[in-house]
Amino acid sequence: MISVLLPQAFRSALPAIGGQNILLLKGTALASTITAFELMGAANLVRADLSGLRASVRRGSWIFLASGIDHGWFRFFRETTCSTVSSGTGSDHLFIPHRVH
């Protein structure tokens, strides 16, 4: 009699036992450890996906730096090779380049 009823009882009780096991797991620190592990795995996936973006930002930073240096050299060259002539009002200036022989 036990050999016949026990499998039938397990079959009908299995969903309830599974639900209880899930509730017990959620109430323990083990569930937060599993969740933290899954979150760290998701963070690693995001980091791997952003590696191409990181390289693009690095290239853009170098281009921005190079253009800033180029602009600075142009401004320095313009100020050292041009004289400022005032038209008399004091608010506007004309840049007249020097002749270089």
PDB file of N, CA and C in Angstrom:
ATOM      1  N   MET A   1       0.810  -1.196   0.000  1.00  0.00           N
ATOM      2  CA  MET A   1       0.000   0.000   0.000  1.00  0.00           C
ATOM      3  C   MET A   1       0.854   1.261   0.000  1.00  0.00           C
ATOM      4  N   ILE A   2       1.927   1.253   0.731  1.00  0.00           N
ATOM      5  CA  ILE A   2       2.810   2.419   0.776  1.00  0.00           C
ATOM      6  C   ILE A   2       3.488   2.623  -0.575  1.00  0.00           C
ATOM      7  N   SER A   3       3.846   1.549  -1.224  1.00  0.00           N
ATOM      8  CA  SER A   3       4.539   1.669  -2.505  1.00  0.00           C
ATOM      9  C   SER A   3       3.639   2.217  -3.599  1.00  0.00           C
ATOM     10  N   VAL A   4       2.364   2.144  -3.438  1.00  0.00           N
ATOM     11  CA  VAL A   4       1.445   2.662  -4.452  1.00  0.00           C
ATOM     12  C   VAL A   4       1.068   4.107  -4.141  1.00  0.00           C
ATOM     13  N   LEU A   5       0.799   4.451  -2.898  1.00  0.00           N
ATOM     14  CA  LEU A   5       0.322   5.784  -2.547  1.00  0.00           C
ATOM     15  C   LEU A   5       1.435   6.834  -2.490  1.00  0.00           C
ATOM     16  N   LEU A   6       2.634   6.437  -2.151  1.00  0.00           N
ATOM     17  CA  LEU A   6       3.711   7.415  -2.011  1.00  0.00           C
ATOM     18  C   LEU A   6       4.054   8.122  -3.328  1.00  0.00           C
ATOM     19  N   PRO A   7       4.191   7.444  -4.464  1.00  0.00           N
ATOM     20  CA  PRO A   7       4.438   8.170  -5.713  1.00  0.00           C
ATOM     21  C   PRO A   7       3.279   9.085  -6.093  1.00  0.00           C
ATOM     22  N   GLN A   8       2.066   8.668  -5.817  1.00  0.00           N
ATOM     23  CA  GLN A   8       0.918   9.523  -6.114  1.00  0.00           C
ATOM     24  C   GLN A   8       0.927  10.750  -5.209  1.00  0.00           C
ATOM     25  N   ALA A   9       1.311  10.592  -3.969  1.00  0.00           N
ATOM     26  CA  ALA A   9       1.369  11.720  -3.035  1.00  0.00           C
ATOM     27  C   ALA A   9       2.477  12.700  -3.444  1.00  0.00           C
ATOM     28  N   PHE A  10       3.618  12.176  -3.861  1.00  0.00           N
ATOM     29  CA  PHE A  10       4.700  13.063  -4.306  1.00  0.00           C
ATOM     30  C   PHE A  10       4.294  13.856  -5.541  1.00  0.00           C
ATOM     31  N   ARG A  11       3.596  13.192  -6.438  1.00  0.00           N
ATOM     32  CA  ARG A  11       3.177  13.851  -7.665  1.00  0.00           C
ATOM     33  C   ARG A  11       2.226  15.010  -7.359  1.00  0.00           C
ATOM     34  N   SER A  12       1.321  14.835  -6.422  1.00  0.00           N
ATOM     35  CA  SER A  12       0.376  15.911  -6.104  1.00  0.00           C
ATOM     36  C   SER A  12       0.983  16.958  -5.172  1.00  0.00           C
ATOM     37  N   ALA A  13       1.983  16.581  -4.379  1.00  0.00           N
ATOM     38  CA  ALA A  13       2.568  17.520  -3.424  1.00  0.00           C
ATOM     39  C   ALA A  13       3.775  18.272  -3.985  1.00  0.00           C
ATOM     40  N   LEU A  14       4.286  17.858  -5.119  1.00  0.00           N
ATOM     41  CA  LEU A  14       5.504  18.456  -5.657  1.00  0.00           C
ATOM     42  C   LEU A  14       5.377  19.963  -5.927  1.00  0.00           C
ATOM     43  N   PRO A  15       4.299  20.483  -6.520  1.00  0.00           N
ATOM     44  CA  PRO A  15       4.211  21.934  -6.713  1.00  0.00           C
ATOM     45  C   PRO A  15       4.212  22.709  -5.395  1.00  0.00           C
ATOM     46  N   ALA A  16       3.540  22.183  -4.387  1.00  0.00           N
ATOM     47  CA  ALA A  16       3.519  22.870  -3.097  1.00  0.00           C
ATOM     48  C   ALA A  16       4.897  22.833  -2.437  1.00  0.00           C
ATOM     49  N   ILE A  17       5.589  21.713  -2.543  1.00  0.00           N
ATOM     50  CA  ILE A  17       6.930  21.604  -1.962  1.00  0.00           C
ATOM     51  C   ILE A  17       7.891  22.544  -2.694  1.00  0.00           C
ATOM     52  N   GLY A  18       7.747  22.619  -4.016  1.00  0.00           N
ATOM     53  CA  GLY A  18       8.602  23.540  -4.788  1.00  0.00           C
ATOM     54  C   GLY A  18       8.370  24.987  -4.401  1.00  0.00           C
ATOM     55  N   GLY A  19       7.114  25.359  -4.215  1.00  0.00           N
ATOM     56  CA  GLY A  19       6.798  26.722  -3.786  1.00  0.00           C
ATOM     57  C   GLY A  19       7.358  27.029  -2.413  1.00  0.00           C
ATOM     58  N   GLN A  20       7.257  26.065  -1.487  1.00  0.00           N
ATOM     59  CA  GLN A  20       7.811  26.257  -0.149  1.00  0.00           C
ATOM     60  C   GLN A  20       9.333  26.385  -0.199  1.00  0.00           C
ATOM     61  N   ASN A  21       9.969  25.586  -1.032  1.00  0.00           N
ATOM     62  CA  ASN A  21      11.428  25.685  -1.153  1.00  0.00           C
ATOM     63  C   ASN A  21      11.850  27.049  -1.695  1.00  0.00           C
ATOM     64  N   ILE A  22      11.106  27.575  -2.635  1.00  0.00           N
ATOM     65  CA  ILE A  22      11.422  28.902  -3.170  1.00  0.00           C
ATOM     66  C   ILE A  22      11.247  29.962  -2.097  1.00  0.00           C
ATOM     67  N   LEU A  23      10.171  29.886  -1.313  1.00  0.00           N
ATOM     68  CA  LEU A  23       9.966  30.845  -0.233  1.00  0.00           C
ATOM     69  C   LEU A  23      11.062  30.745   0.817  1.00  0.00           C
ATOM     70  N   LEU A  24      11.477  29.530   1.163  1.00  0.00           N
ATOM     71  CA  LEU A  24      12.563  29.364   2.125  1.00  0.00           C
ATOM     72  C   LEU A  24      13.876  29.923   1.576  1.00  0.00           C
ATOM     73  N   LEU A  25      14.127  29.725   0.300  1.00  0.00           N
ATOM     74  CA  LEU A  25      15.351  30.235  -0.306  1.00  0.00           C
ATOM     75  C   LEU A  25      15.359  31.757  -0.341  1.00  0.00           C
ATOM     76  N   LYS A  26      14.198  32.362  -0.604  1.00  0.00           N
ATOM     77  CA  LYS A  26      14.114  33.821  -0.623  1.00  0.00           C
ATOM     78  C   LYS A  26      14.344  34.415   0.759  1.00  0.00           C
ATOM     79  N   GLY A  27      13.997  33.694   1.786  1.00  0.00           N
ATOM     80  CA  GLY A  27      14.156  34.197   3.145  1.00  0.00           C
ATOM     81  C   GLY A  27      15.560  34.059   3.689  1.00  0.00           C
ATOM     82  N   THR A  28      16.447  33.403   2.993  1.00  0.00           N
ATOM     83  CA  THR A  28      17.802  33.209   3.491  1.00  0.00           C
ATOM     84  C   THR A  28      18.773  34.146   2.784  1.00  0.00           C
ATOM     85  N   ALA A  29      19.984  34.205   3.305  1.00  0.00           N
ATOM     86  CA  ALA A  29      21.027  35.027   2.692  1.00  0.00           C
ATOM     87  C   ALA A  29      21.542  34.403   1.405  1.00  0.00           C
ATOM     88  N   LEU A  30      21.270  33.131   1.197  1.00  0.00           N
ATOM     89  CA  LEU A  30      21.729  32.465  -0.013  1.00  0.00           C
ATOM     90  C   LEU A  30      21.087  33.074  -1.257  1.00  0.00           C
ATOM     91  N   ALA A  31      19.830  33.497  -1.139  1.00  0.00           N
ATOM     92  CA  ALA A  31      19.156  34.117  -2.283  1.00  0.00           C
ATOM     93  C   ALA A  31      19.825  35.434  -2.652  1.00  0.00           C
ATOM     94  N   SER A  32      20.226  36.220  -1.664  1.00  0.00           N
ATOM     95  CA  SER A  32      20.902  37.477  -1.984  1.00  0.00           C
ATOM     96  C   SER A  32      22.283  37.223  -2.571  1.00  0.00           C
ATOM     97  N   THR A  33      22.938  36.143  -2.160  1.00  0.00           N
ATOM     98  CA  THR A  33      24.235  35.798  -2.737  1.00  0.00           C
ATOM     99  C   THR A  33      24.083  35.393  -4.195  1.00  0.00           C
ATOM    100  N   ILE A  34      23.078  34.618  -4.484  1.00  0.00           N
ATOM    101  CA  ILE A  34      22.833  34.221  -5.871  1.00  0.00           C
ATOM    102  C   ILE A  34      22.482  35.448  -6.702  1.00  0.00           C
ATOM    103  N   THR A  35      21.682  36.330  -6.158  1.00  0.00           N
ATOM    104  CA  THR A  35      21.292  37.528  -6.879  1.00  0.00           C
ATOM    105  C   THR A  35      22.497  38.428  -7.114  1.00  0.00           C
ATOM    106  N   ALA A  36      23.340  38.596  -6.103  1.00  0.00           N
ATOM    107  CA  ALA A  36      24.536  39.422  -6.276  1.00  0.00           C
ATOM    108  C   ALA A  36      25.453  38.812  -7.331  1.00  0.00           C
ATOM    109  N   PHE A  37      25.564  37.496  -7.337  1.00  0.00           N
ATOM    110  CA  PHE A  37      26.391  36.827  -8.339  1.00  0.00           C
ATOM    111  C   PHE A  37      25.828  37.062  -9.738  1.00  0.00           C
ATOM    112  N   GLU A  38      24.514  36.976  -9.869  1.00  0.00           N
ATOM    113  CA  GLU A  38      23.895  37.215 -11.171  1.00  0.00           C
ATOM    114  C   GLU A  38      24.073  38.665 -11.605  1.00  0.00           C
ATOM    115  N   LEU A  39      23.972  39.604 -10.645  1.00  0.00           N
ATOM    116  CA  LEU A  39      24.179  41.008 -10.984  1.00  0.00           C
ATOM    117  C   LEU A  39      25.610  41.271 -11.427  1.00  0.00           C
ATOM    118  N   MET A  40      26.560  40.642 -10.763  1.00  0.00           N
ATOM    119  CA  MET A  40      27.956  40.815 -11.165  1.00  0.00           C
ATOM    120  C   MET A  40      28.186  40.232 -12.562  1.00  0.00           C
ATOM    121  N   GLY A  41      27.526  39.125 -12.861  1.00  0.00           N
ATOM    122  CA  GLY A  41      27.632  38.560 -14.205  1.00  0.00           C
ATOM    123  C   GLY A  41      27.042  39.494 -15.247  1.00  0.00           C
ATOM    124  N   ALA A  42      25.911  40.120 -14.910  1.00  0.00           N
ATOM    125  CA  ALA A  42      25.308  41.081 -15.833  1.00  0.00           C
ATOM    126  C   ALA A  42      26.210  42.299 -16.007  1.00  0.00           C
ATOM    127  N   ALA A  43      26.848  42.739 -14.929  1.00  0.00           N
ATOM    128  CA  ALA A  43      27.772  43.873 -15.031  1.00  0.00           C
ATOM    129  C   ALA A  43      28.965  43.526 -15.913  1.00  0.00           C
ATOM    130  N   ASN A  44      29.449  42.303 -15.823  1.00  0.00           N
ATOM    131  CA  ASN A  44      30.558  41.881 -16.686  1.00  0.00           C
ATOM    132  C   ASN A  44      30.141  41.871 -18.152  1.00  0.00           C
ATOM    133  N   LEU A  45      28.907  41.473 -18.423  1.00  0.00           N
ATOM    134  CA  LEU A  45      28.421  41.500 -19.806  1.00  0.00           C
ATOM    135  C   LEU A  45      28.330  42.927 -20.337  1.00  0.00           C
ATOM    136  N   VAL A  46      27.838  43.838 -19.501  1.00  0.00           N
ATOM    137  CA  VAL A  46      27.740  45.239 -19.916  1.00  0.00           C
ATOM    138  C   VAL A  46      29.133  45.811 -20.149  1.00  0.00           C
ATOM    139  N   ARG A  47      30.069  45.494 -19.259  1.00  0.00           N
ATOM    140  CA  ARG A  47      31.436  45.985 -19.416  1.00  0.00           C
ATOM    141  C   ARG A  47      32.052  45.469 -20.715  1.00  0.00           C
ATOM    142  N   ALA A  48      31.783  44.233 -21.049  1.00  0.00           N
ATOM    143  CA  ALA A  48      32.314  43.671 -22.296  1.00  0.00           C
ATOM    144  C   ALA A  48      31.685  44.356 -23.506  1.00  0.00           C
ATOM    145  N   ASP A  49      30.406  44.704 -23.406  1.00  0.00           N
ATOM    146  CA  ASP A  49      29.745  45.374 -24.520  1.00  0.00           C
ATOM    147  C   ASP A  49      30.235  46.806 -24.695  1.00  0.00           C
ATOM    148  N   LEU A  50      30.676  47.456 -23.601  1.00  0.00           N
ATOM    149  CA  LEU A  50      31.097  48.846 -23.670  1.00  0.00           C
ATOM    150  C   LEU A  50      32.574  49.010 -24.003  1.00  0.00           C
ATOM    151  N   SER A  51      33.288  47.922 -24.238  1.00  0.00           N
ATOM    152  CA  SER A  51      34.713  48.054 -24.539  1.00  0.00           C
ATOM    153  C   SER A  51      34.927  48.782 -25.865  1.00  0.00           C
ATOM    154  N   GLY A  52      34.067  48.569 -26.841  1.00  0.00           N
ATOM    155  CA  GLY A  52      34.161  49.300 -28.104  1.00  0.00           C
ATOM    156  C   GLY A  52      33.866  50.777 -27.921  1.00  0.00           C
ATOM    157  N   LEU A  53      32.915  51.094 -27.059  1.00  0.00           N
ATOM    158  CA  LEU A  53      32.595  52.491 -26.780  1.00  0.00           C
ATOM    159  C   LEU A  53      33.764  53.178 -26.092  1.00  0.00           C
ATOM    160  N   ARG A  54      34.422  52.463 -25.185  1.00  0.00           N
ATOM    161  CA  ARG A  54      35.567  53.033 -24.477  1.00  0.00           C
ATOM    162  C   ARG A  54      36.678  53.399 -25.462  1.00  0.00           C
ATOM    163  N   ALA A  55      36.925  52.552 -26.444  1.00  0.00           N
ATOM    164  CA  ALA A  55      37.953  52.840 -27.448  1.00  0.00           C
ATOM    165  C   ALA A  55      37.558  54.051 -28.293  1.00  0.00           C
ATOM    166  N   SER A  56      36.287  54.178 -28.618  1.00  0.00           N
ATOM    167  CA  SER A  56      35.826  55.325 -29.403  1.00  0.00           C
ATOM    168  C   SER A  56      35.960  56.621 -28.619  1.00  0.00           C
ATOM    169  N   VAL A  57      35.639  56.580 -27.347  1.00  0.00           N
ATOM    170  CA  VAL A  57      35.780  57.775 -26.507  1.00  0.00           C
ATOM    171  C   VAL A  57      37.250  58.156 -26.389  1.00  0.00           C
ATOM    172  N   ARG A  58      38.122  57.164 -26.266  1.00  0.00           N
ATOM    173  CA  ARG A  58      39.558  57.444 -26.186  1.00  0.00           C
ATOM    174  C   ARG A  58      40.045  58.106 -27.481  1.00  0.00           C
ATOM    175  N   ARG A  59      39.612  57.598 -28.629  1.00  0.00           N
ATOM    176  CA  ARG A  59      40.008  58.208 -29.905  1.00  0.00           C
ATOM    177  C   ARG A  59      39.473  59.636 -30.018  1.00  0.00           C
ATOM    178  N   GLY A  60      38.225  59.826 -29.617  1.00  0.00           N
ATOM    179  CA  GLY A  60      37.643  61.165 -29.660  1.00  0.00           C
ATOM    180  C   GLY A  60      38.369  62.136 -28.746  1.00  0.00           C
ATOM    181  N   SER A  61      38.815  61.658 -27.600  1.00  0.00           N
ATOM    182  CA  SER A  61      39.566  62.513 -26.678  1.00  0.00           C
ATOM    183  C   SER A  61      40.887  62.945 -27.292  1.00  0.00           C
ATOM    184  N   TRP A  62      41.562  62.021 -27.976  1.00  0.00           N
ATOM    185  CA  TRP A  62      42.825  62.376 -28.629  1.00  0.00           C
ATOM    186  C   TRP A  62      42.594  63.399 -29.737  1.00  0.00           C
ATOM    187  N   ILE A  63      41.527  63.244 -30.493  1.00  0.00           N
ATOM    188  CA  ILE A  63      41.223  64.199 -31.561  1.00  0.00           C
ATOM    189  C   ILE A  63      40.909  65.566 -30.969  1.00  0.00           C
ATOM    190  N   PHE A  64      40.136  65.589 -29.879  1.00  0.00           N
ATOM    191  CA  PHE A  64      39.799  66.846 -29.214  1.00  0.00           C
ATOM    192  C   PHE A  64      41.058  67.525 -28.682  1.00  0.00           C
ATOM    193  N   LEU A  65      41.949  66.751 -28.078  1.00  0.00           N
ATOM    194  CA  LEU A  65      43.200  67.296 -27.560  1.00  0.00           C
ATOM    195  C   LEU A  65      44.063  67.844 -28.691  1.00  0.00           C
ATOM    196  N   ALA A  66      44.156  67.105 -29.782  1.00  0.00           N
ATOM    197  CA  ALA A  66      44.964  67.560 -30.920  1.00  0.00           C
ATOM    198  C   ALA A  66      44.391  68.834 -31.531  1.00  0.00           C
ATOM    199  N   SER A  67      43.073  68.930 -31.633  1.00  0.00           N
ATOM    200  CA  SER A  67      42.479  70.143 -32.199  1.00  0.00           C
ATOM    201  C   SER A  67      42.667  71.329 -31.261  1.00  0.00           C
ATOM    202  N   GLY A  68      42.642  71.096 -29.958  1.00  0.00           N
ATOM    203  CA  GLY A  68      42.902  72.174 -29.005  1.00  0.00           C
ATOM    204  C   GLY A  68      44.329  72.668 -29.088  1.00  0.00           C
ATOM    205  N   ILE A  69      45.272  71.747 -29.232  1.00  0.00           N
ATOM    206  CA  ILE A  69      46.674  72.144 -29.384  1.00  0.00           C
ATOM    207  C   ILE A  69      46.861  72.906 -30.690  1.00  0.00           C
ATOM    208  N   ASP A  70      46.236  72.425 -31.763  1.00  0.00           N
ATOM    209  CA  ASP A  70      46.327  73.098 -33.058  1.00  0.00           C
ATOM    210  C   ASP A  70      45.751  74.511 -32.971  1.00  0.00           C
ATOM    211  N   HIS A  71      44.619  74.663 -32.325  1.00  0.00           N
ATOM    212  CA  HIS A  71      44.005  75.983 -32.169  1.00  0.00           C
ATOM    213  C   HIS A  71      44.899  76.896 -31.335  1.00  0.00           C
ATOM    214  N   GLY A  72      45.498  76.355 -30.285  1.00  0.00           N
ATOM    215  CA  GLY A  72      46.391  77.154 -29.448  1.00  0.00           C
ATOM    216  C   GLY A  72      47.612  77.637 -30.210  1.00  0.00           C
ATOM    217  N   TRP A  73      48.201  76.763 -31.039  1.00  0.00           N
ATOM    218  CA  TRP A  73      49.355  77.166 -31.837  1.00  0.00           C
ATOM    219  C   TRP A  73      48.953  78.213 -32.871  1.00  0.00           C
ATOM    220  N   PHE A  74      47.778  78.052 -33.477  1.00  0.00           N
ATOM    221  CA  PHE A  74      47.316  79.035 -34.459  1.00  0.00           C
ATOM    222  C   PHE A  74      47.113  80.388 -33.795  1.00  0.00           C
ATOM    223  N   ARG A  75      46.515  80.402 -32.626  1.00  0.00           N
ATOM    224  CA  ARG A  75      46.270  81.657 -31.915  1.00  0.00           C
ATOM    225  C   ARG A  75      47.592  82.307 -31.504  1.00  0.00           C
ATOM    226  N   PHE A  76      48.518  81.502 -31.008  1.00  0.00           N
ATOM    227  CA  PHE A  76      49.828  82.032 -30.624  1.00  0.00           C
ATOM    228  C   PHE A  76      50.544  82.614 -31.838  1.00  0.00           C
ATOM    229  N   PHE A  77      50.509  81.899 -32.964  1.00  0.00           N
ATOM    230  CA  PHE A  77      51.164  82.371 -34.183  1.00  0.00           C
ATOM    231  C   PHE A  77      50.525  83.660 -34.672  1.00  0.00           C
ATOM    232  N   ARG A  78      49.200  83.754 -34.627  1.00  0.00           N
ATOM    233  CA  ARG A  78      48.498  84.949 -35.090  1.00  0.00           C
ATOM    234  C   ARG A  78      48.843  86.149 -34.220  1.00  0.00           C
ATOM    235  N   GLU A  79      48.929  85.942 -32.906  1.00  0.00           N
ATOM    236  CA  GLU A  79      49.210  87.064 -32.013  1.00  0.00           C
ATOM    237  C   GLU A  79      50.662  87.510 -32.090  1.00  0.00           C
ATOM    238  N   THR A  80      51.567  86.615 -32.425  1.00  0.00           N
ATOM    239  CA  THR A  80      52.973  87.011 -32.496  1.00  0.00           C
ATOM    240  C   THR A  80      53.358  87.565 -33.854  1.00  0.00           C
ATOM    241  N   THR A  81      52.608  87.278 -34.896  1.00  0.00           N
ATOM    242  CA  THR A  81      52.974  87.757 -36.232  1.00  0.00           C
ATOM    243  C   THR A  81      52.084  88.875 -36.730  1.00  0.00           C
ATOM    244  N   CYS A  82      51.064  89.249 -36.003  1.00  0.00           N
ATOM    245  CA  CYS A  82      50.159  90.313 -36.431  1.00  0.00           C
ATOM    246  C   CYS A  82      50.249  91.465 -35.444  1.00  0.00           C
ATOM    247  N   SER A  83      50.162  92.683 -35.956  1.00  0.00           N
ATOM    248  CA  SER A  83      50.129  93.845 -35.070  1.00  0.00           C
ATOM    249  C   SER A  83      48.690  94.327 -34.970  1.00  0.00           C
ATOM    250  N   THR A  84      48.368  94.922 -33.874  1.00  0.00           N
ATOM    251  CA  THR A  84      47.017  95.412 -33.643  1.00  0.00           C
ATOM    252  C   THR A  84      46.990  96.908 -33.909  1.00  0.00           C
ATOM    253  N   VAL A  85      46.078  97.343 -34.768  1.00  0.00           N
ATOM    254  CA  VAL A  85      45.919  98.756 -35.077  1.00  0.00           C
ATOM    255  C   VAL A  85      44.525  99.158 -34.647  1.00  0.00           C
ATOM    256  N   SER A  86      44.437 100.158 -33.818  1.00  0.00           N
ATOM    257  CA  SER A  86      43.144 100.616 -33.344  1.00  0.00           C
ATOM    258  C   SER A  86      42.621 101.671 -34.297  1.00  0.00           C
ATOM    259  N   SER A  87      41.335 101.689 -34.526  1.00  0.00           N
ATOM    260  CA  SER A  87      40.731 102.663 -35.433  1.00  0.00           C
ATOM    261  C   SER A  87      40.357 103.943 -34.708  1.00  0.00           C
ATOM    262  N   GLY A  88      40.643 104.029 -33.448  1.00  0.00           N
ATOM    263  CA  GLY A  88      40.372 105.257 -32.723  1.00  0.00           C
ATOM    264  C   GLY A  88      39.262 105.119 -31.706  1.00  0.00           C
ATOM    265  N   THR A  89      38.351 104.180 -31.891  1.00  0.00           N
ATOM    266  CA  THR A  89      37.260 104.037 -30.931  1.00  0.00           C
ATOM    267  C   THR A  89      37.681 103.200 -29.733  1.00  0.00           C
ATOM    268  N   GLY A  90      38.681 102.395 -29.906  1.00  0.00           N
ATOM    269  CA  GLY A  90      39.163 101.583 -28.801  1.00  0.00           C
ATOM    270  C   GLY A  90      38.441 100.264 -28.651  1.00  0.00           C
ATOM    271  N   SER A  91      37.329 100.088 -29.357  1.00  0.00           N
ATOM    272  CA  SER A  91      36.574  98.852 -29.191  1.00  0.00           C
ATOM    273  C   SER A  91      36.841  97.845 -30.297  1.00  0.00           C
ATOM    274  N   ASP A  92      37.261  98.344 -31.460  1.00  0.00           N
ATOM    275  CA  ASP A  92      37.512  97.406 -32.552  1.00  0.00           C
ATOM    276  C   ASP A  92      38.984  97.471 -32.953  1.00  0.00           C
ATOM    277  N   HIS A  93      39.511  96.352 -33.342  1.00  0.00           N
ATOM    278  CA  HIS A  93      40.919  96.252 -33.714  1.00  0.00           C
ATOM    279  C   HIS A  93      41.028  95.622 -35.091  1.00  0.00           C
ATOM    280  N   LEU A  94      42.023  96.061 -35.833  1.00  0.00           N
ATOM    281  CA  LEU A  94      42.324  95.458 -37.121  1.00  0.00           C
ATOM    282  C   LEU A  94      43.625  94.690 -36.986  1.00  0.00           C
ATOM    283  N   PHE A  95      43.636  93.475 -37.467  1.00  0.00           N
ATOM    284  CA  PHE A  95      44.858  92.686 -37.449  1.00  0.00           C
ATOM    285  C   PHE A  95      45.545  92.839 -38.801  1.00  0.00           C
ATOM    286  N   ILE A  96      46.742  93.409 -38.775  1.00  0.00           N
ATOM    287  CA  ILE A  96      47.516  93.587 -39.998  1.00  0.00           C
ATOM    288  C   ILE A  96      48.735  92.691 -39.885  1.00  0.00           C
ATOM    289  N   PRO A  97      48.873  91.734 -40.781  1.00  0.00           N
ATOM    290  CA  PRO A  97      50.030  90.840 -40.678  1.00  0.00           C
ATOM    291  C   PRO A  97      51.319  91.548 -41.061  1.00  0.00           C
ATOM    292  N   HIS A  98      52.406  91.178 -40.393  1.00  0.00           N
ATOM    293  CA  HIS A  98      53.730  91.695 -40.740  1.00  0.00           C
ATOM    294  C   HIS A  98      54.206  91.016 -42.008  1.00  0.00           C
ATOM    295  N   ARG A  99      55.027  91.716 -42.725  1.00  0.00           N
ATOM    296  CA  ARG A  99      55.658  91.102 -43.890  1.00  0.00           C
ATOM    297  C   ARG A  99      56.870  90.325 -43.432  1.00  0.00           C
ATOM    298  N   VAL A 100      56.925  89.102 -43.852  1.00  0.00           N
ATOM    299  CA  VAL A 100      58.063  88.267 -43.518  1.00  0.00           C
ATOM    300  C   VAL A 100      58.918  88.135 -44.766  1.00  0.00           C
ATOM    301  N   HIS A 101      60.198  88.533 -44.670  1.00  0.00           N
ATOM    302  CA  HIS A 101      61.087  88.467 -45.839  1.00  0.00           C
ATOM    303  C   HIS A 101      61.930  87.251 -45.780  1.00  0.00           C
TER     304      HIS A 101
END
